[in-house]
């Protein structure tokens, strides 16, 4: 039996720390380096670049990061797998060959289905929106990018053909780990439990420092948080794994930092992947030493017959600025600003969203405690309408005729240039209808077959907890004094997972965070469809807040566009907590 494969992440998104590959190369020995660059909207931006220049469309940031290390990668026999190919993986593969002709570069393609949308619809695939059920033909927006999510078997096939670097487009984030693990251990396509374990490990490390304390609600208890390192997954032959990090790097790997990533951007206990359906509710976590967390017990079953397709189109344009008002009477001041800014809007200006951010202190000690930022956003289908609106000019014209204490940051200019507003359309396609191919260094092309078996399975249903009798002694305190949370986005839906480190608090958390309880705490979700699930082994409750983000993070008008702060907002809410659970909390 082969030893566990050591797979190290070096990127969680386009813009992650530039030195991450430097750090990975200088850190503990690993077998495979993996880098994830593609948030759901990143492909749309790369598609625009690709249309302007067909030789581009990939992540040039990655090329700059890896350039100094290509010789060392060859000398050490390491493998590199990345989705930095974006909209043009063949282009990135060619660029890598030019930098180091001695390395064997393969790329995976087939995910880019933009040119096949009409063909799919003509053949009966309506590409219904996963949230609304409406067919793509009803959208009213011209698609600019469409990418199907591929699994990890193309990566595994490329590595089996001795590729040193495998360049992908839109594979699932976890596929960057699943492919190398399947290749290393020689798994069969129906080794469901092993594949499920690898997907779970890949999900944990896909967001880089997230698993090492980054964005963790318990960050004040993490050592050396100045520069948290990047995680490593040691994936064993049975799919179990240990999550760790480079020993010299900052941050920590604990059961809670790993839990934070496990409940992040999922849709429930059944985690659907093109290669396997992962039963996350079977997974167990345990501390296996300092900065080592073991993942075990994960089970899997055949994947669904379909895979997700992310379609993007330009909905219009937007412009946003921030100004400031000062207490007292902040509400009345914002209302007058709203009326003045919205007066005589030009034709074509669709929405004007004016949002005060925060509340002034009742008796401020400093001027800044009396200050409230006000975000002003305007949208329009036509860019020209926003130019005619001249939002910076409107704001600048109010200084002598609006409210007292009104100003903008004198160190910055008011933004005058509109930017594109991208809409998102999530849909499904049969995996058999999506090509999945590997192009090798010698020009050979390998076709990757769809899964040998598929199954349609629904998420489990967890009954709402009954109203629990009140504890004899309770204390009103922030939920975050006893619970952690992590939130994120999936298109127009925000998801938030909340868990407790203390197993004594699990029954209380389960009863407190019913759907009704959540609606009481968060007025923003009172009219939304909410899906609730429980993860007893993680002591976690998970919610999908359908429609909180409109149709997608790139097009909605919320300040927290992709819901990253919803979890912390929930933790800030005060609830009645049994006193025995608050011992030692502030």
Protein backbone atom coordinates (compact mmCIF):
# COMPACT_ATOMS: atom_id res chain seq x y z
CA UNK A 1 0.00 0.00 0.00
CA UNK A 2 1.39 3.39 -0.98
CA UNK A 3 2.13 5.93 1.71
CA UNK A 4 -0.23 8.91 1.94
CA UNK A 5 0.19 11.50 -0.79
CA UNK A 6 1.08 14.97 0.52
CA UNK A 7 -0.89 17.60 -1.37
CA UNK A 8 -0.17 21.25 -0.53
CA UNK A 9 -2.36 24.19 -1.49
CA UNK A 10 -0.81 27.46 -2.68
CA UNK A 11 -3.84 29.50 -3.73
CA UNK A 12 -7.47 29.86 -2.70
CA UNK A 13 -8.54 32.54 -5.19
CA UNK A 14 -7.17 34.90 -7.82
CA UNK A 15 -5.38 37.51 -5.71
CA UNK A 16 -4.26 35.23 -2.89
CA UNK A 17 -0.78 35.85 -1.48
CA UNK A 18 1.71 36.16 -4.33
CA UNK A 19 4.51 34.49 -2.35
CA UNK A 20 2.52 31.32 -1.68
CA UNK A 21 4.42 29.16 -4.20
CA UNK A 22 7.71 30.50 -2.83
CA UNK A 23 6.55 29.42 0.63
CA UNK A 24 5.39 26.01 -0.57
CA UNK A 25 8.68 25.31 -2.31
CA UNK A 26 10.67 26.35 0.79
CA UNK A 27 8.41 24.48 3.24
CA UNK A 28 8.06 20.84 4.22
CA UNK A 29 8.42 18.23 1.45
CA UNK A 30 5.24 17.58 -0.54
CA UNK A 31 4.35 15.50 -3.59
CA UNK A 32 1.82 17.76 -5.28
CA UNK A 33 1.20 21.50 -5.25
CA UNK A 34 -2.37 22.59 -6.04
CA UNK A 35 -3.70 26.07 -6.70
CA UNK A 36 -7.32 27.22 -6.96
CA UNK A 37 -7.91 30.58 -8.68
CA UNK A 38 -11.50 30.45 -9.91
CA UNK A 39 -14.24 32.01 -7.85
CA UNK A 40 -17.55 31.78 -9.69
CA UNK A 41 -17.25 35.26 -11.20
CA UNK A 42 -13.53 35.09 -12.05
CA UNK A 43 -14.17 33.12 -15.24
CA UNK A 44 -16.44 35.88 -16.52
CA UNK A 45 -13.66 38.42 -16.11
CA UNK A 46 -11.19 36.09 -17.83
CA UNK A 47 -13.72 35.51 -20.62
CA UNK A 48 -13.85 39.24 -21.33
CA UNK A 49 -10.06 39.31 -21.64
CA UNK A 50 -10.16 36.22 -23.87
CA UNK A 51 -12.65 37.86 -26.22
CA UNK A 52 -10.43 40.90 -26.57
CA UNK A 53 -7.28 38.80 -27.06
CA UNK A 54 -7.75 35.08 -27.89
CA UNK A 55 -4.16 34.40 -26.81
CA UNK A 56 -5.07 35.26 -23.19
CA UNK A 57 -7.91 34.34 -20.85
CA UNK A 58 -5.82 32.42 -18.32
CA UNK A 59 -4.43 33.54 -14.96
CA UNK A 60 -1.18 35.32 -15.72
CA UNK A 61 -0.70 35.91 -11.98
CA UNK A 62 0.00 32.17 -11.63
CA UNK A 63 2.54 32.30 -14.44
CA UNK A 64 4.46 35.04 -12.63
CA UNK A 65 4.29 33.10 -9.35
CA UNK A 66 5.62 29.82 -10.71
CA UNK A 67 8.21 31.15 -13.17
CA UNK A 68 11.15 31.14 -10.69
CA UNK A 69 10.43 27.58 -9.54
CA UNK A 70 10.02 25.58 -12.74
CA UNK A 71 13.57 24.25 -12.64
CA UNK A 72 13.26 23.15 -9.00
CA UNK A 73 9.92 21.48 -9.70
CA UNK A 74 11.56 19.40 -12.41
CA UNK A 75 14.57 18.54 -10.21
CA UNK A 76 12.40 17.43 -7.29
CA UNK A 77 9.92 15.45 -9.36
CA UNK A 78 7.00 17.39 -7.87
CA UNK A 79 3.63 17.69 -9.56
CA UNK A 80 1.62 20.89 -9.93
CA UNK A 81 -2.14 20.99 -10.56
CA UNK A 82 -4.07 24.21 -11.02
CA UNK A 83 -7.26 25.62 -12.49
CA UNK A 84 -5.39 28.79 -13.51
CA UNK A 85 -6.10 27.84 -17.12
CA UNK A 86 -9.35 29.72 -16.69
CA UNK A 87 -10.95 30.33 -20.06
CA UNK A 88 -7.91 29.24 -22.04
CA UNK A 89 -6.03 26.30 -20.43
CA UNK A 90 -4.30 25.48 -23.71
CA UNK A 91 -2.87 29.00 -23.72
CA UNK A 92 -1.45 28.66 -20.23
CA UNK A 93 -0.01 25.23 -21.05
CA UNK A 94 1.74 26.72 -24.08
CA UNK A 95 3.11 29.61 -22.01
CA UNK A 96 4.53 27.17 -19.45
CA UNK A 97 6.23 25.15 -22.19
CA UNK A 98 7.92 28.28 -23.46
CA UNK A 99 9.28 29.01 -19.98
CA UNK A 100 10.60 25.47 -19.42
CA UNK A 101 10.59 23.18 -22.47
CA UNK A 102 11.81 20.26 -20.33
CA UNK A 103 8.66 20.00 -18.24
CA UNK A 104 5.77 17.84 -19.42
CA UNK A 105 2.66 20.02 -19.46
CA UNK A 106 -0.86 18.65 -19.95
CA UNK A 107 -4.14 20.48 -19.89
CA UNK A 108 -7.75 19.51 -19.26
CA UNK A 109 -10.49 20.95 -21.42
CA UNK A 110 -14.19 20.56 -22.16
CA UNK A 111 -15.57 22.72 -19.37
CA UNK A 112 -15.95 25.76 -21.64
CA UNK A 113 -19.38 25.20 -23.21
CA UNK A 114 -20.25 28.77 -24.21
CA UNK A 115 -20.33 27.88 -27.92
CA UNK A 116 -22.58 24.86 -27.27
CA UNK A 117 -25.42 26.55 -25.38
CA UNK A 118 -27.66 26.82 -28.44
CA UNK A 119 -26.91 23.21 -29.35
CA UNK A 120 -27.83 22.06 -25.85
CA UNK A 121 -31.10 23.96 -25.90
CA UNK A 122 -31.98 22.66 -29.38
CA UNK A 123 -31.43 19.10 -28.15
CA UNK A 124 -33.81 19.55 -25.22
CA UNK A 125 -31.56 20.74 -22.41
CA UNK A 126 -33.36 23.87 -21.18
CA UNK A 127 -30.61 24.75 -18.66
CA UNK A 128 -33.21 25.67 -16.05
CA UNK A 129 -32.02 28.02 -13.34
CA UNK A 130 -31.33 26.01 -10.18
CA UNK A 131 -33.01 28.65 -8.03
CA UNK A 132 -36.00 29.72 -10.13
CA UNK A 133 -36.60 26.77 -12.47
CA UNK A 134 -36.83 29.11 -15.46
CA UNK A 135 -35.19 28.06 -18.77
CA UNK A 136 -32.07 29.86 -19.94
CA UNK A 137 -34.03 31.15 -22.94
CA UNK A 138 -36.02 33.38 -20.56
CA UNK A 139 -32.97 35.11 -19.10
CA UNK A 140 -32.88 38.23 -21.26
CA UNK A 141 -29.11 38.51 -20.82
CA UNK A 142 -26.58 37.47 -23.45
CA UNK A 143 -24.26 34.80 -22.00
CA UNK A 144 -20.60 35.79 -22.00
CA UNK A 145 -19.21 32.69 -20.28
CA UNK A 146 -20.50 29.19 -19.58
CA UNK A 147 -18.41 26.57 -17.83
CA UNK A 148 -19.37 23.11 -16.63
CA UNK A 149 -17.77 21.73 -13.49
CA UNK A 150 -15.50 18.77 -14.29
CA UNK A 151 -14.26 16.12 -11.89
CA UNK A 152 -10.76 14.91 -11.09
CA UNK A 153 -10.32 11.94 -13.42
CA UNK A 154 -8.85 14.03 -16.22
CA UNK A 155 -6.20 15.23 -13.79
CA UNK A 156 -5.53 11.64 -12.68
CA UNK A 157 -5.17 10.53 -16.32
CA UNK A 158 -2.72 13.34 -17.08
CA UNK A 159 -0.58 12.46 -14.07
CA UNK A 160 -0.64 8.79 -15.07
CA UNK A 161 0.88 9.89 -18.40
CA UNK A 162 3.78 11.50 -16.46
CA UNK A 163 2.63 15.10 -16.74
CA UNK A 164 4.59 17.39 -14.42
CA UNK A 165 2.05 20.21 -14.49
CA UNK A 166 -1.66 19.80 -15.19
CA UNK A 167 -3.52 22.94 -16.22
CA UNK A 168 -7.31 22.98 -15.88
CA UNK A 169 -10.17 25.32 -16.44
CA UNK A 170 -13.37 24.93 -14.40
CA UNK A 171 -12.89 21.71 -12.51
CA UNK A 172 -14.45 21.61 -9.06
CA UNK A 173 -12.20 23.07 -6.39
CA UNK A 174 -11.91 19.69 -4.66
CA UNK A 175 -10.97 17.96 -7.94
CA UNK A 176 -7.53 19.54 -7.65
CA UNK A 177 -6.99 17.16 -4.70
CA UNK A 178 -9.16 14.23 -5.78
CA UNK A 179 -7.32 13.79 -9.11
CA UNK A 180 -3.82 13.53 -7.61
CA UNK A 181 -5.04 11.24 -4.80
CA UNK A 182 -6.78 8.90 -7.26
CA UNK A 183 -3.64 8.78 -9.43
CA UNK A 184 -1.29 8.22 -6.50
CA UNK A 185 -3.30 5.38 -4.99
CA UNK A 186 -4.62 3.85 -8.22
CA UNK A 187 -8.25 4.09 -7.18
CA UNK A 188 -11.04 2.71 -9.34
CA UNK A 189 -13.82 4.95 -10.59
CA UNK A 190 -16.24 3.36 -8.11
CA UNK A 191 -14.07 3.55 -4.98
CA UNK A 192 -16.77 5.76 -3.54
CA UNK A 193 -15.60 5.97 0.06
CA UNK A 194 -11.99 6.72 -0.86
CA UNK A 195 -13.05 9.32 -3.41
CA UNK A 196 -15.41 10.90 -0.88
CA UNK A 197 -12.58 11.17 1.63
CA UNK A 198 -10.37 12.86 -0.94
CA UNK A 199 -13.12 15.33 -1.87
CA UNK A 200 -13.55 16.18 1.81
CA UNK A 201 -9.81 16.77 2.16
CA UNK A 202 -9.83 18.83 -1.03
CA UNK A 203 -12.72 20.91 0.25
CA UNK A 204 -10.77 21.66 3.42
CA UNK A 205 -7.58 22.83 1.70
CA UNK A 206 -9.10 24.46 -1.40
CA UNK A 207 -9.34 27.89 0.24
CA UNK A 208 -5.73 28.03 1.36
CA UNK A 209 -5.21 29.72 4.76
CA UNK A 210 -8.89 29.21 5.67
CA UNK A 211 -7.90 25.84 7.16
CA UNK A 212 -4.98 27.36 9.06
CA UNK A 213 -6.89 30.09 10.87
CA UNK A 214 -7.63 32.56 8.10
CA UNK A 215 -11.10 34.17 8.37
CA UNK A 216 -11.69 32.01 11.46
CA UNK A 217 -14.10 33.36 14.07
CA UNK A 218 -11.71 32.22 16.80
CA UNK A 219 -8.77 34.10 15.32
CA UNK A 220 -7.85 35.76 18.63
CA UNK A 221 -6.88 32.33 19.97
CA UNK A 222 -4.72 31.40 16.98
CA UNK A 223 -0.98 31.88 17.36
CA UNK A 224 0.95 33.92 14.81
CA UNK A 225 -2.02 35.09 12.76
CA UNK A 226 -0.01 37.80 11.01
CA UNK A 227 0.68 35.49 8.05
CA UNK A 228 -1.18 32.17 8.34
CA UNK A 229 0.35 29.47 6.19
CA UNK A 230 -1.17 27.24 3.53
CA UNK A 231 -2.55 23.77 4.33
CA UNK A 232 -1.36 20.30 3.39
CA UNK A 233 -3.60 17.24 3.04
CA UNK A 234 -1.98 13.85 3.64
CA UNK A 235 -4.44 11.56 1.84
CA UNK A 236 -4.18 7.85 2.63
CA UNK A 237 -5.09 4.91 0.41
CA UNK A 238 -8.50 4.51 2.04
CA UNK A 239 -9.34 8.20 1.53
CA UNK A 240 -8.84 9.19 5.14
CA UNK A 241 -6.56 12.16 5.60
CA UNK A 242 -4.67 14.40 7.95
CA UNK A 243 -4.80 18.16 7.45
CA UNK A 244 -1.60 19.93 8.47
CA UNK A 245 0.62 22.82 7.38
CA UNK A 246 4.25 23.67 6.77
CA UNK A 247 5.87 23.59 10.21
CA UNK A 248 7.63 26.94 9.90
CA UNK A 249 4.51 28.88 8.84
CA UNK A 250 2.06 30.86 10.94
CA UNK A 251 -1.48 29.99 11.95
CA UNK A 252 -2.73 26.72 13.41
CA UNK A 253 -4.59 23.63 12.24
CA UNK A 254 -7.23 22.65 14.78
CA UNK A 255 -10.52 20.78 14.77
CA UNK A 256 -12.30 24.13 14.72
CA UNK A 257 -10.29 25.65 11.83
CA UNK A 258 -11.03 22.51 9.80
CA UNK A 259 -14.71 22.50 10.80
CA UNK A 260 -14.93 26.10 9.61
CA UNK A 261 -13.96 25.03 6.12
CA UNK A 262 -16.10 21.88 6.10
CA UNK A 263 -19.29 23.89 6.69
CA UNK A 264 -18.26 26.55 4.16
CA UNK A 265 -20.21 26.95 0.90
CA UNK A 266 -21.99 23.62 1.02
CA UNK A 267 -25.64 22.93 0.35
CA UNK A 268 -26.19 20.28 3.01
CA UNK A 269 -24.86 16.93 4.26
CA UNK A 270 -24.79 15.52 0.70
CA UNK A 271 -21.88 17.26 -1.02
CA UNK A 272 -22.39 16.67 -4.73
CA UNK A 273 -19.30 16.28 -6.90
CA UNK A 274 -18.91 15.04 -10.48
CA UNK A 275 -16.96 12.01 -9.21
CA UNK A 276 -18.83 11.08 -6.03
CA UNK A 277 -21.53 12.15 -3.63
CA UNK A 278 -19.87 12.84 -0.28
CA UNK A 279 -21.80 12.08 2.91
CA UNK A 280 -20.37 14.84 5.07
CA UNK A 281 -22.52 13.78 8.01
CA UNK A 282 -20.48 10.58 8.30
CA UNK A 283 -17.18 12.42 8.66
CA UNK A 284 -15.31 12.50 11.97
CA UNK A 285 -12.61 14.96 13.06
CA UNK A 286 -9.96 14.45 15.73
CA UNK A 287 -6.83 16.29 16.78
CA UNK A 288 -3.87 14.10 15.81
CA UNK A 289 -1.09 16.20 17.32
CA UNK A 290 -0.04 19.79 16.97
CA UNK A 291 -1.31 21.27 13.70
CA UNK A 292 -2.63 17.87 12.62
CA UNK A 293 -6.35 17.09 12.28
CA UNK A 294 -7.50 13.66 11.14
CA UNK A 295 -10.52 13.25 8.84
CA UNK A 296 -11.99 9.75 8.97
CA UNK A 297 -15.19 7.85 8.43
CA UNK A 298 -16.24 9.73 5.30
CA UNK A 299 -18.51 7.66 3.10
CA UNK A 300 -19.50 8.17 -0.49
CA UNK A 301 -22.01 7.01 -3.05
CA UNK A 302 -22.34 7.42 -6.83
CA UNK A 303 -22.44 11.00 -8.08
CA UNK A 304 -25.52 12.59 -9.61
CA UNK A 305 -25.98 12.19 -13.37
CA UNK A 306 -25.66 15.94 -13.86
CA UNK A 307 -23.01 18.56 -13.23
CA UNK A 308 -23.40 22.26 -12.56
CA UNK A 309 -22.92 24.83 -15.30
CA UNK A 310 -22.08 28.41 -14.35
CA UNK A 311 -23.36 30.84 -16.99
CA UNK A 312 -22.49 34.54 -16.77
CA UNK A 313 -23.74 37.52 -18.70
CA UNK A 314 -23.40 41.26 -18.43
CA UNK A 315 -26.54 42.62 -16.80
CA UNK A 316 -25.49 46.22 -17.14
CA UNK A 317 -23.21 48.62 -15.32
CA UNK A 318 -22.81 50.00 -11.83
CA UNK A 319 -21.07 52.81 -10.02
CA UNK A 320 -20.54 53.11 -6.28
CA UNK A 321 -19.19 55.77 -3.94
CA UNK A 322 -18.99 56.23 -0.18
CA UNK A 323 -19.75 59.44 1.69
CA UNK A 324 -20.13 60.15 5.41
CA UNK A 325 -22.73 61.67 7.69
CA UNK A 326 -22.31 62.64 11.31
CA UNK A 327 -24.59 62.26 14.31
CA UNK A 328 -27.03 63.41 15.57
CA UNK A 329 -30.16 62.69 13.48
CA UNK A 330 -28.37 60.26 11.16
CA UNK A 331 -31.65 58.76 9.91
CA UNK A 332 -33.11 62.12 8.87
CA UNK A 333 -29.83 63.09 7.21
CA UNK A 334 -29.71 59.89 5.16
CA UNK A 335 -33.33 60.40 4.06
CA UNK A 336 -32.59 63.91 2.78
CA UNK A 337 -29.49 62.65 0.99
CA UNK A 338 -31.56 59.88 -0.61
CA UNK A 339 -34.09 62.40 -1.91
CA UNK A 340 -31.46 64.84 -3.16
CA UNK A 341 -29.32 62.23 -4.92
CA UNK A 342 -32.39 60.61 -6.48
CA UNK A 343 -33.89 63.82 -7.84
CA UNK A 344 -34.38 63.97 -11.63
CA UNK A 345 -32.65 60.70 -12.47
CA UNK A 346 -31.87 60.36 -16.19
CA UNK A 347 -33.74 57.80 -18.27
CA UNK A 348 -32.17 54.36 -18.03
CA UNK A 349 -30.85 54.66 -14.48
CA UNK A 350 -32.46 51.54 -12.97
CA UNK A 351 -31.66 51.48 -9.27
CA UNK A 352 -30.29 53.86 -6.69
CA UNK A 353 -29.31 52.07 -3.49
CA UNK A 354 -28.29 54.20 -0.50
CA UNK A 355 -27.18 52.23 2.55
CA UNK A 356 -25.94 53.65 5.87
CA UNK A 357 -23.30 51.34 7.35
CA UNK A 358 -23.46 51.15 11.10
CA UNK A 359 -24.79 53.31 13.90
CA UNK A 360 -23.24 56.30 15.59
CA UNK A 361 -22.41 56.01 19.30
CA UNK A 362 -25.02 57.55 21.56
CA UNK A 363 -22.43 59.66 23.39
CA UNK A 364 -19.34 59.52 21.14
CA UNK A 365 -15.91 59.96 22.66
CA UNK A 366 -14.32 60.73 19.29
CA UNK A 367 -15.55 62.26 16.04
CA UNK A 368 -15.27 58.89 14.31
CA UNK A 369 -17.64 57.27 16.80
CA UNK A 370 -20.19 59.84 15.63
CA UNK A 371 -19.55 59.09 11.94
CA UNK A 372 -21.58 56.75 9.72
CA UNK A 373 -20.40 55.75 6.21
CA UNK A 374 -23.13 55.85 3.56
CA UNK A 375 -22.68 53.66 0.49
CA UNK A 376 -24.30 55.11 -2.67
CA UNK A 377 -24.72 52.74 -5.63
CA UNK A 378 -26.43 53.31 -8.97
CA UNK A 379 -27.06 50.73 -11.69
CA UNK A 380 -28.17 50.89 -15.31
CA UNK A 381 -28.39 48.60 -18.30
CA UNK A 382 -26.54 51.15 -20.41
CA UNK A 383 -23.21 52.58 -19.32
CA UNK A 384 -24.12 55.89 -20.92
CA UNK A 385 -27.02 56.32 -18.48
CA UNK A 386 -24.58 56.21 -15.57
CA UNK A 387 -22.29 58.71 -17.25
CA UNK A 388 -25.30 61.03 -17.64
CA UNK A 389 -26.25 60.43 -14.02
CA UNK A 390 -22.79 61.69 -12.99
CA UNK A 391 -22.97 60.31 -9.46
CA UNK A 392 -19.66 61.87 -8.33
CA UNK A 393 -20.89 65.25 -9.57
CA UNK A 394 -24.22 64.84 -7.78
CA UNK A 395 -22.47 64.05 -4.52
CA UNK A 396 -19.97 66.87 -4.88
CA UNK A 397 -22.75 69.39 -5.56
CA UNK A 398 -24.39 68.71 -2.18
CA UNK A 399 -21.68 70.04 0.12
CA UNK A 400 -23.31 73.45 0.63
CA UNK A 401 -26.96 72.44 0.22
CA UNK A 402 -27.47 69.18 2.06
CA UNK A 403 -27.02 68.02 5.65
CA UNK A 404 -24.58 69.26 8.29
CA UNK A 405 -21.61 66.99 8.89
CA UNK A 406 -21.63 65.60 5.30
CA UNK A 407 -18.26 64.86 3.67
CA UNK A 408 -16.24 62.32 1.71
CA UNK A 409 -12.77 60.99 2.46
CA UNK A 410 -10.47 63.83 1.49
CA UNK A 411 -7.67 61.37 0.79
CA UNK A 412 -9.57 59.74 -2.08
CA UNK A 413 -11.46 60.88 -5.15
CA UNK A 414 -15.10 60.03 -5.76
CA UNK A 415 -15.22 57.24 -8.34
CA UNK A 416 -16.40 58.41 -11.75
CA UNK A 417 -16.03 55.29 -13.90
CA UNK A 418 -18.86 52.73 -14.12
CA UNK A 419 -17.93 49.05 -14.15
CA UNK A 420 -19.68 46.03 -15.61
CA UNK A 421 -22.37 44.30 -13.56
CA UNK A 422 -22.28 40.55 -14.13
CA UNK A 423 -25.31 38.31 -13.61
CA UNK A 424 -25.09 34.61 -12.78
CA UNK A 425 -27.22 31.72 -14.02
CA UNK A 426 -26.62 28.31 -12.38
CA UNK A 427 -27.90 25.31 -14.30
CA UNK A 428 -27.35 21.58 -14.80
CA UNK A 429 -26.26 19.43 -17.71
CA UNK A 430 -25.95 15.65 -17.97
CA UNK A 431 -22.31 14.72 -17.50
CA UNK A 432 -22.58 12.62 -20.63
CA UNK A 433 -23.25 15.84 -22.60
CA UNK A 434 -20.11 17.61 -21.37
CA UNK A 435 -16.80 16.73 -23.04
CA UNK A 436 -13.94 15.97 -20.67
CA UNK A 437 -10.59 15.67 -22.40
CA UNK A 438 -6.91 15.67 -21.54
CA UNK A 439 -4.40 17.06 -24.05
CA UNK A 440 -0.92 15.69 -23.39
CA UNK A 441 2.53 17.10 -24.11
CA UNK A 442 2.87 15.01 -27.27
CA UNK A 443 -0.48 16.19 -28.63
CA UNK A 444 -2.43 13.05 -27.82
CA UNK A 445 -5.97 13.56 -26.53
CA UNK A 446 -7.55 11.31 -23.91
CA UNK A 447 -11.33 11.21 -23.53
CA UNK A 448 -12.54 10.87 -19.95
CA UNK A 449 -15.72 8.83 -19.73
CA UNK A 450 -18.65 9.86 -17.51
CA UNK A 451 -18.97 8.06 -14.16
CA UNK A 452 -19.74 4.34 -14.44
CA UNK A 453 -22.70 4.72 -12.11
CA UNK A 454 -24.83 7.65 -11.02
CA UNK A 455 -27.64 8.12 -8.55
CA UNK A 456 -30.12 10.83 -7.71
CA UNK A 457 -30.33 11.45 -3.99
CA UNK A 458 -32.02 14.17 -1.98
CA UNK A 459 -30.56 15.95 0.99
CA UNK A 460 -31.68 14.42 4.29
CA UNK A 461 -34.49 16.13 6.14
CA UNK A 462 -33.85 17.21 9.73
CA UNK A 463 -37.02 17.97 11.70
CA UNK A 464 -37.14 21.33 13.40
CA UNK A 465 -36.31 21.05 17.11
CA UNK A 466 -39.12 21.53 19.57
CA UNK A 467 -39.08 24.54 21.86
CA UNK A 468 -36.78 23.49 24.68
CA UNK A 469 -37.63 24.36 28.27
CA UNK A 470 -35.67 27.38 29.47
CA UNK A 471 -32.60 26.66 31.56
CA UNK A 472 -32.85 27.55 35.24
CA UNK A 473 -30.01 30.04 35.02
CA UNK A 474 -29.27 31.86 31.78
CA UNK A 475 -27.14 34.76 30.69
CA UNK A 476 -27.80 37.05 27.74
CA UNK A 477 -24.63 37.18 25.70
CA UNK A 478 -23.45 37.17 22.08
CA UNK A 479 -23.93 33.86 20.32
CA UNK A 480 -20.27 34.16 19.37
CA UNK A 481 -19.22 33.85 23.00
CA UNK A 482 -19.86 30.11 22.76
CA UNK A 483 -20.16 29.38 19.02
CA UNK A 484 -18.12 29.72 15.85
CA UNK A 485 -19.53 30.42 12.39
CA UNK A 486 -18.46 30.57 8.76
CA UNK A 487 -20.55 31.90 5.87
CA UNK A 488 -20.19 32.17 2.12
CA UNK A 489 -22.06 32.10 -1.16
CA UNK A 490 -23.38 29.80 -3.85
CA UNK A 491 -24.81 32.05 -6.52
CA UNK A 492 -27.77 33.93 -5.08
CA UNK A 493 -27.81 31.83 -1.90
CA UNK A 494 -25.83 32.55 1.21
CA UNK A 495 -24.91 29.68 3.47
CA UNK A 496 -23.88 29.83 7.09
CA UNK A 497 -22.63 27.07 9.35
CA UNK A 498 -22.58 27.50 13.14
CA UNK A 499 -20.92 25.07 15.54
CA UNK A 500 -19.84 24.80 19.16
CA UNK A 501 -16.46 23.47 20.34
CA UNK A 502 -17.99 22.34 23.67
CA UNK A 503 -20.05 19.18 23.23
CA UNK A 504 -22.18 20.20 26.24
CA UNK A 505 -23.45 23.13 24.17
CA UNK A 506 -24.61 21.07 21.19
CA UNK A 507 -28.18 20.32 22.40
CA UNK A 508 -28.62 24.00 23.29
CA UNK A 509 -27.31 25.20 19.91
CA UNK A 510 -29.51 22.74 18.04
CA UNK A 511 -32.61 23.92 19.88
CA UNK A 512 -31.74 27.61 19.70
CA UNK A 513 -30.92 27.72 16.01
CA UNK A 514 -34.15 26.42 14.60
CA UNK A 515 -35.36 28.06 11.41
CA UNK A 516 -37.80 30.10 13.49
CA UNK A 517 -35.00 31.07 15.82
CA UNK A 518 -32.86 32.21 12.93
CA UNK A 519 -35.67 34.35 11.53
CA UNK A 520 -35.99 36.04 14.94
CA UNK A 521 -32.29 36.82 15.02
CA UNK A 522 -31.85 37.97 11.43
CA UNK A 523 -34.69 40.18 10.15
CA UNK A 524 -33.10 40.21 6.69
CA UNK A 525 -34.05 36.55 6.19
CA UNK A 526 -37.58 36.58 7.62
CA UNK A 527 -39.23 36.29 4.18
CA UNK A 528 -36.65 33.96 2.58
CA UNK A 529 -36.84 30.25 1.95
CA UNK A 530 -34.43 28.73 4.47
CA UNK A 531 -33.03 25.19 4.37
CA UNK A 532 -31.71 23.85 7.67
CA UNK A 533 -29.47 20.84 8.28
CA UNK A 534 -27.69 19.34 11.27
CA UNK A 535 -24.20 17.85 11.55
CA UNK A 536 -24.15 16.16 14.98
CA UNK A 537 -20.57 14.87 14.63
CA UNK A 538 -19.40 18.42 13.97
CA UNK A 539 -21.84 19.88 16.53
CA UNK A 540 -23.02 22.18 13.75
CA UNK A 541 -26.22 23.61 12.35
CA UNK A 542 -26.11 24.72 8.72
CA UNK A 543 -28.48 27.04 6.86
CA UNK A 544 -28.93 27.87 3.19
CA UNK A 545 -30.51 31.34 2.89
CA UNK A 546 -32.06 31.20 -0.55
CA UNK A 547 -32.07 34.49 -2.42
CA UNK A 548 -30.28 36.58 0.20
CA UNK A 549 -27.72 37.50 -2.48
CA UNK A 550 -30.26 38.11 -5.25
CA UNK A 551 -29.23 36.21 -8.36
CA UNK A 552 -25.53 36.19 -7.47
CA UNK A 553 -22.76 37.98 -5.67
CA UNK A 554 -21.64 39.87 -8.74
CA UNK A 555 -25.02 41.43 -9.47
CA UNK A 556 -26.81 42.05 -6.15
CA UNK A 557 -26.75 45.44 -4.46
CA UNK A 558 -25.81 44.30 -0.95
CA UNK A 559 -22.67 45.80 0.57
CA UNK A 560 -21.62 42.32 1.71
CA UNK A 561 -22.07 41.05 -1.84
CA UNK A 562 -21.09 37.43 -1.33
CA UNK A 563 -22.28 36.95 2.24
CA UNK A 564 -18.87 36.53 3.86
CA UNK A 565 -19.94 38.49 6.96
CA UNK A 566 -23.32 36.83 7.63
CA UNK A 567 -21.78 34.36 10.06
CA UNK A 568 -20.10 37.04 12.14
CA UNK A 569 -23.28 39.12 12.09
CA UNK A 570 -25.15 36.14 13.51
CA UNK A 571 -22.46 35.62 16.18
CA UNK A 572 -22.89 39.24 17.26
CA UNK A 573 -26.56 38.65 18.13
CA UNK A 574 -27.35 38.31 21.85
CA UNK A 575 -29.18 35.16 22.93
CA UNK A 576 -30.06 33.50 26.24
CA UNK A 577 -27.30 31.01 27.04
CA UNK A 578 -27.28 28.59 29.99
CA UNK A 579 -24.81 29.91 32.54
CA UNK A 580 -22.90 26.64 32.71
CA UNK A 581 -21.95 27.11 29.05
CA UNK A 582 -20.65 30.64 29.56
CA UNK A 583 -18.03 29.79 32.17
CA UNK A 584 -14.77 31.39 31.12
CA UNK A 585 -16.34 33.56 28.43
CA UNK A 586 -16.22 37.33 28.44
